[in-house]
Protein backbone atom coordinates (compact mmCIF):
# COMPACT_ATOMS: atom_id res chain seq x y z
CA MET A 1 0.00 0.00 0.00
CA ALA A 2 1.37 3.47 -0.91
CA ASP A 3 2.04 6.07 1.76
CA SER A 4 -0.42 8.90 1.00
CA SER A 5 1.56 11.33 3.16
CA ARG A 6 4.52 11.45 0.74
CA PRO A 7 4.92 13.19 -2.59
CA ASP A 8 4.47 10.97 -5.59
CA ALA A 9 5.42 11.36 -9.26
CA HIS A 10 2.45 13.71 -9.74
CA GLY A 11 3.26 16.04 -6.82
CA LEU A 12 1.89 16.12 -3.30
CA THR A 13 -1.20 14.23 -2.36
CA THR A 14 -3.80 15.97 -0.21
CA ALA A 15 -2.55 14.18 2.90
CA ALA A 16 1.08 15.05 2.14
CA LEU A 17 0.27 18.71 1.52
CA CYS A 18 -1.82 19.00 4.68
CA ALA A 19 0.90 17.35 6.77
CA ALA A 20 3.69 19.47 5.31
CA ALA A 21 1.80 22.76 5.68
CA GLY A 22 0.17 21.99 9.02
CA VAL A 23 -3.41 22.47 7.85
CA SER A 24 -6.47 20.26 7.93
CA ARG A 25 -8.27 18.95 4.86
CA GLY A 26 -11.18 21.22 5.71
CA THR A 27 -8.91 24.26 5.74
CA LEU A 28 -7.35 23.18 2.47
CA ARG A 29 -10.79 22.85 0.84
CA LEU A 30 -11.85 26.23 2.23
CA TYR A 31 -8.78 27.91 0.75
CA GLU A 32 -9.46 26.21 -2.58
CA ARG A 33 -13.10 27.42 -2.57
CA GLU A 34 -11.99 30.95 -1.69
CA GLY A 35 -9.51 30.97 -4.58
CA LEU A 36 -6.41 31.14 -2.39
CA LEU A 37 -5.03 27.99 -4.00
CA PRO A 38 -5.20 27.07 -7.65
CA ALA A 39 -7.22 24.02 -8.53
CA PRO A 40 -5.05 20.93 -8.12
CA ARG A 41 -4.23 18.58 -10.96
CA ARG A 42 -6.22 15.37 -10.98
CA SER A 43 -4.80 11.95 -11.66
CA ALA A 44 -6.63 9.44 -13.85
CA ASN A 45 -8.26 7.99 -10.75
CA GLY A 46 -9.46 11.44 -9.63
CA TYR A 47 -6.98 12.05 -6.81
CA ARG A 48 -5.83 15.61 -6.25
CA HIS A 49 -2.13 16.35 -6.73
CA TYR A 50 -0.54 19.61 -5.65
CA ALA A 51 2.72 21.29 -6.61
CA THR A 52 5.30 21.26 -3.82
CA SER A 53 5.29 25.09 -3.92
CA GLU A 54 1.78 25.00 -2.44
CA VAL A 55 3.33 24.15 0.96
CA GLN A 56 4.93 27.60 1.10
CA ARG A 57 1.74 29.22 -0.14
CA LEU A 58 -0.31 27.54 2.60
CA GLN A 59 2.24 28.52 5.23
CA ALA A 60 2.09 32.13 4.01
CA ILE A 61 -1.72 32.09 4.14
CA ARG A 62 -1.60 30.78 7.71
CA ALA A 63 0.91 33.48 8.68
CA PHE A 64 -1.28 36.21 7.16
CA LYS A 65 -4.31 34.80 9.01
CA GLU A 66 -2.40 34.90 12.30
CA LEU A 67 -1.55 38.54 11.61
CA GLY A 68 -5.25 39.31 11.26
CA PHE A 69 -5.68 39.50 7.51
CA THR A 70 -9.01 38.30 6.15
CA LEU A 71 -9.17 35.64 3.45
CA ARG A 72 -10.24 38.33 0.99
CA GLU A 73 -7.23 40.48 1.88
CA ILE A 74 -4.93 37.49 1.55
CA ALA A 75 -6.38 36.64 -1.85
CA LEU A 76 -5.73 40.21 -3.03
CA LEU A 77 -2.16 40.08 -1.71
CA LEU A 78 -1.49 36.79 -3.46
CA ASP A 79 -2.99 38.08 -6.71
CA GLU A 80 -0.90 41.25 -6.57
CA ARG A 81 2.25 39.25 -5.81
CA GLU A 82 1.65 36.90 -8.72
CA ALA A 83 0.95 39.80 -11.06
CA ALA A 84 4.16 41.52 -9.84
CA ARG A 85 2.16 44.54 -8.65
CA LEU A 86 3.17 44.29 -4.99
CA GLY A 87 5.70 47.11 -4.75
CA THR A 88 7.19 48.74 -1.68
CA GLU A 89 4.62 51.56 -1.55
CA ARG A 90 1.75 49.07 -1.62
CA LEU A 91 3.42 46.98 1.08
CA MET A 92 3.87 50.06 3.24
CA ARG A 93 0.17 50.98 2.86
CA LEU A 94 -0.92 47.44 3.68
CA ALA A 95 1.33 47.37 6.73
CA ALA A 96 0.00 50.72 7.95
CA ASP A 97 -3.61 49.57 7.44
CA GLN A 98 -2.90 46.36 9.32
CA LEU A 99 -1.35 48.30 12.20
CA VAL A 100 -4.60 50.24 12.56
CA HIS A 101 -6.56 46.96 12.70
CA ILE A 102 -4.14 45.49 15.24
CA ASP A 103 -4.36 48.58 17.45
CA GLN A 104 -8.17 48.44 17.30
CA ARG A 105 -8.12 44.76 18.25
CA ILE A 106 -5.73 45.40 21.13
CA ALA A 107 -7.98 48.20 22.41
CA ARG A 108 -11.02 45.88 22.30
CA LEU A 109 -9.08 43.12 24.06
CA HIS A 110 -7.98 45.52 26.79
CA MET A 111 -11.60 46.57 27.30
CA VAL A 112 -12.80 42.95 27.49
CA ARG A 113 -9.92 42.04 29.78
CA GLY A 114 -10.92 44.82 32.16
CA TYR A 115 -14.50 43.56 32.28
CA LEU A 116 -13.40 39.98 32.81
CA ALA A 117 -10.92 40.95 35.54
CA ASP A 118 -13.69 42.78 37.41
CA VAL A 119 -16.10 39.85 37.13
CA ALA A 120 -13.38 37.35 38.10
CA ALA A 121 -12.74 39.43 41.23
CA GLY A 122 -16.44 39.37 42.08
CA ASP A 123 -17.26 42.91 40.93
CA PHE A 124 -20.35 42.50 38.76
CA SER A 125 -20.92 46.25 38.29
CA ALA A 126 -19.11 46.03 34.95
CA LEU A 127 -21.99 43.95 33.66
CA ASP A 128 -24.25 46.99 33.94
CA ASP A 129 -22.14 48.76 31.31
CA PRO A 130 -23.91 48.65 27.91
CA GLU A 131 -20.52 48.02 26.25
CA CYS A 132 -20.29 44.85 28.31
CA ARG A 133 -23.72 43.45 27.47
CA PHE A 134 -22.22 40.88 25.11
CA LEU A 135 -20.21 39.42 28.01
CA CYS A 136 -23.28 39.18 30.20
CA GLU A 137 -25.19 37.40 27.45
CA PHE A 138 -22.26 35.09 26.74
CA LEU A 139 -21.83 34.18 30.40
CA ALA A 140 -25.57 33.56 30.75
CA LEU A 141 -25.47 31.18 27.75
CA GLN A 142 -22.44 29.35 29.13
CA ALA A 143 -23.87 28.98 32.62
CA GLY A 144 -27.10 27.41 31.44
CA PRO A 145 -30.11 26.79 33.69
CA ALA A 146 -28.33 24.23 35.91
CA GLN A 147 -25.78 26.77 37.12
CA SER A 148 -28.10 29.66 37.82
CA THR A 149 -27.57 29.52 41.58
CA GLY A 150 -24.73 30.90 43.65
CA ALA A 151 -22.58 33.91 42.84
CA ALA A 152 -23.63 34.01 39.20
CA ALA A 153 -27.24 34.47 40.31
CA ALA A 154 -26.20 37.66 42.13
CA ALA A 155 -24.95 39.16 38.87
CA PRO A 156 -27.26 41.63 37.13
CA CYS A 157 -27.48 39.35 34.11
């Protein structure tokens, strides 16, 4: 029986590509549907075969995702790179835009952290803040009816 996690004469199998790039089959299929990966070649028996260069492409996509880029933004970056339109000015603009998004995310995380720290310390007054309503609703969903007694019951949720 052949090892489906190794490259063959046609390129990388799905299993080999996923293993090499550290992604699941579901993620691979999503990226294919979103146009982030070109359609793979098919063997006579219908198996997908990928170029070995797709490992680097998948790793780049994962890195961009971790930096907060959306799949749409990643697709545009990849298209611009392949069309040789990704110059230094464009890279600088993209980096500046991403910094704004990162700073906004950090600000939201600091706000949420403050609310959570108060609640963890037993101060439920933060839950009265309209900005914190999502947390109250989330905690109420997580607690469920079986846990509605005790300290959580004292919260204004």
